[in-house]
Amino acid sequence: MSSNASINLSNVSPTESSIPLPIPCPATLAPPAMSPWTTQSTLVANPDIDAELFHSIVNGLLMTIANCETDTAVQYRHFIEQIQSL
């Protein structure tokens, strides 16, 4: 009796590797960017927040603002170049 069934590889577990994956290290010690919603959730969950965590949250928000400003400047420059090429 032959089988026409195919093997669904998404259901097959990969074999275990004896080599562990390296743990990535951040290149800089910059605070992670935080969205306003993450910030709000963190503040609500920690009503008696200490100064160190508060500074981390503020630095995360500042990083988010800086990233948005950079992204906007790059996008603006791209649009200007597109307009000039037309």
C-alpha atoms as a PDB file:
ATOM      1  CA  MET A   1       0.000   0.000   0.000  1.00  0.00           C
ATOM      2  CA  SER A   2       1.580   3.308  -1.059  1.00  0.00           C
ATOM      3  CA  SER A   3       0.892   6.694   0.487  1.00  0.00           C
ATOM      4  CA  ASN A   4       0.358   9.916  -1.428  1.00  0.00           C
ATOM      5  CA  ALA A   5       0.524  11.989   1.753  1.00  0.00           C
ATOM      6  CA  SER A   6       3.031  14.807   1.836  1.00  0.00           C
ATOM      7  CA  ILE A   7       5.051  15.855   4.832  1.00  0.00           C
ATOM      8  CA  ASN A   8       4.268  19.278   6.232  1.00  0.00           C
ATOM      9  CA  LEU A   9       7.692  20.530   7.355  1.00  0.00           C
ATOM     10  CA  SER A  10       6.153  23.353   9.375  1.00  0.00           C
ATOM     11  CA  ASN A  11       5.024  20.676  11.843  1.00  0.00           C
ATOM     12  CA  VAL A  12       8.422  18.971  12.084  1.00  0.00           C
ATOM     13  CA  SER A  13      10.703  20.099  14.899  1.00  0.00           C
ATOM     14  CA  PRO A  14      14.232  21.015  13.856  1.00  0.00           C
ATOM     15  CA  THR A  15      17.063  18.929  15.236  1.00  0.00           C
ATOM     16  CA  GLU A  16      18.838  20.330  18.249  1.00  0.00           C
ATOM     17  CA  SER A  17      22.154  22.014  17.585  1.00  0.00           C
ATOM     18  CA  SER A  18      25.052  21.453  19.957  1.00  0.00           C
ATOM     19  CA  ILE A  19      26.328  24.984  19.241  1.00  0.00           C
ATOM     20  CA  PRO A  20      24.465  27.638  21.237  1.00  0.00           C
ATOM     21  CA  LEU A  21      23.512  30.852  19.528  1.00  0.00           C
ATOM     22  CA  PRO A  22      25.513  33.895  20.644  1.00  0.00           C
ATOM     23  CA  ILE A  23      23.740  36.421  22.832  1.00  0.00           C
ATOM     24  CA  PRO A  24      23.666  39.754  20.985  1.00  0.00           C
ATOM     25  CA  CYS A  25      25.218  42.661  22.825  1.00  0.00           C
ATOM     26  CA  PRO A  26      24.062  46.227  22.214  1.00  0.00           C
ATOM     27  CA  ALA A  27      26.634  48.361  20.432  1.00  0.00           C
ATOM     28  CA  THR A  28      25.910  51.317  22.689  1.00  0.00           C
ATOM     29  CA  LEU A  29      24.366  51.768  26.077  1.00  0.00           C
ATOM     30  CA  ALA A  30      21.645  54.036  24.701  1.00  0.00           C
ATOM     31  CA  PRO A  31      18.222  53.626  26.277  1.00  0.00           C
ATOM     32  CA  PRO A  32      15.669  51.785  24.181  1.00  0.00           C
ATOM     33  CA  ALA A  33      13.150  53.949  22.365  1.00  0.00           C
ATOM     34  CA  MET A  34       9.750  53.811  24.056  1.00  0.00           C
ATOM     35  CA  SER A  35       6.388  54.586  22.570  1.00  0.00           C
ATOM     36  CA  PRO A  36       4.016  56.865  24.470  1.00  0.00           C
ATOM     37  CA  TRP A  37       1.731  53.859  25.070  1.00  0.00           C
ATOM     38  CA  THR A  38       4.554  51.798  26.586  1.00  0.00           C
ATOM     39  CA  THR A  39       5.494  54.759  28.751  1.00  0.00           C
ATOM     40  CA  GLN A  40       1.928  55.203  29.951  1.00  0.00           C
ATOM     41  CA  SER A  41       1.607  51.491  30.752  1.00  0.00           C
ATOM     42  CA  THR A  42       4.893  51.538  32.650  1.00  0.00           C
ATOM     43  CA  LEU A  43       3.875  54.568  34.688  1.00  0.00           C
ATOM     44  CA  VAL A  44       0.435  53.096  35.489  1.00  0.00           C
ATOM     45  CA  ALA A  45       1.990  49.775  36.523  1.00  0.00           C
ATOM     46  CA  ASN A  46       4.540  51.516  38.759  1.00  0.00           C
ATOM     47  CA  PRO A  47       2.796  54.238  40.799  1.00  0.00           C
ATOM     48  CA  ASP A  48       5.738  54.457  43.241  1.00  0.00           C
ATOM     49  CA  ILE A  49       8.383  54.730  40.519  1.00  0.00           C
ATOM     50  CA  ASP A  50      11.967  55.359  41.578  1.00  0.00           C
ATOM     51  CA  ALA A  51      14.208  58.040  40.065  1.00  0.00           C
ATOM     52  CA  GLU A  52      16.383  55.575  38.121  1.00  0.00           C
ATOM     53  CA  LEU A  53      13.431  53.978  36.306  1.00  0.00           C
ATOM     54  CA  PHE A  54      11.886  57.412  35.714  1.00  0.00           C
ATOM     55  CA  HIS A  55      15.122  58.622  34.085  1.00  0.00           C
ATOM     56  CA  SER A  56      15.198  55.502  31.890  1.00  0.00           C
ATOM     57  CA  ILE A  57      11.633  56.184  30.761  1.00  0.00           C
ATOM     58  CA  VAL A  58      12.379  59.838  30.003  1.00  0.00           C
ATOM     59  CA  ASN A  59      15.514  58.881  28.057  1.00  0.00           C
ATOM     60  CA  GLY A  60      13.498  56.309  26.113  1.00  0.00           C
ATOM     61  CA  LEU A  61      10.962  58.973  25.159  1.00  0.00           C
ATOM     62  CA  LEU A  62      13.743  61.346  24.120  1.00  0.00           C
ATOM     63  CA  MET A  63      15.219  58.583  21.954  1.00  0.00           C
ATOM     64  CA  THR A  64      11.809  58.061  20.329  1.00  0.00           C
ATOM     65  CA  ILE A  65      11.528  61.782  19.584  1.00  0.00           C
ATOM     66  CA  ALA A  66      15.060  61.877  18.140  1.00  0.00           C
ATOM     67  CA  ASN A  67      14.346  58.827  15.945  1.00  0.00           C
ATOM     68  CA  CYS A  68      11.139  60.427  14.642  1.00  0.00           C
ATOM     69  CA  GLU A  69      12.960  63.669  13.851  1.00  0.00           C
ATOM     70  CA  THR A  70      15.684  61.781  11.978  1.00  0.00           C
ATOM     71  CA  ASP A  71      13.175  59.677  10.046  1.00  0.00           C
ATOM     72  CA  THR A  72      11.205  62.794   9.106  1.00  0.00           C
ATOM     73  CA  ALA A  73      14.333  64.623   7.921  1.00  0.00           C
ATOM     74  CA  VAL A  74      15.421  61.648   5.790  1.00  0.00           C
ATOM     75  CA  GLN A  75      11.939  61.265   4.317  1.00  0.00           C
ATOM     76  CA  TYR A  76      11.732  65.009   3.602  1.00  0.00           C
ATOM     77  CA  ARG A  77      15.095  64.937   1.815  1.00  0.00           C
ATOM     78  CA  HIS A  78      13.978  61.913  -0.215  1.00  0.00           C
ATOM     79  CA  PHE A  79      10.796  63.706  -1.273  1.00  0.00           C
ATOM     80  CA  ILE A  80      12.734  66.853  -2.248  1.00  0.00           C
ATOM     81  CA  GLU A  81      15.078  64.749  -4.401  1.00  0.00           C
ATOM     82  CA  GLN A  82      12.080  63.023  -6.002  1.00  0.00           C
ATOM     83  CA  ILE A  83      10.420  66.349  -6.794  1.00  0.00           C
ATOM     84  CA  GLN A  84      13.628  67.776  -8.280  1.00  0.00           C
ATOM     85  CA  SER A  85      14.093  64.714 -10.480  1.00  0.00           C
ATOM     86  CA  LEU A  86      10.585  65.163 -11.905  1.00  0.00           C
END
